[in-house]
């Protein structure tokens, strides 16, 4: 026989690895695509916030964040004896970047700096749990990282802003 047993073993091993490699590469590629989608939407949200593009911010927030913002604004309007707005009116105002939206985001940005997340932090990793993800972010002055919560809704990753940072 022209080829030895050692050569045949190596050939079989090589073929086995070669034939299974595309499966591993494909899984890695899918995982990277998933991570990129999460990271891109989070990054886009904070950049929109920094640029005061509040309609874009609103479009990238989780439904729970939106609901909590609407409830909070509604309660504050009622406390101020402003009863002309329904929750639906407030939601519509946020979706078009109206005066209520601008007022809310102006106040929010007095207490929260998107620059802190974009420029002064290291985005360490993304962890998935079904339709939920968290981006582990380490702020330069913090001793421990925080988890930015993300949620997959209607096939898009949304930022859990209020779930992560509160109001």
Foldseek 3Di string as FASTA:
>chain_A
DPDDPVVVVVVVVVVVCVVCVVVVVVVVVVVVVVFCQQVVLVLQLLVCLQVVVQLSVLVQADPVLLVVVLVVLCVVCVVVVNDPDDSVNVSVCSNVVHPSVSVVSVVVCVPDHSCQQVPQKDFDDWDDDPQKIWTFIGGNPDPGTFTFIWGQDPNHIHTHVCVGPND
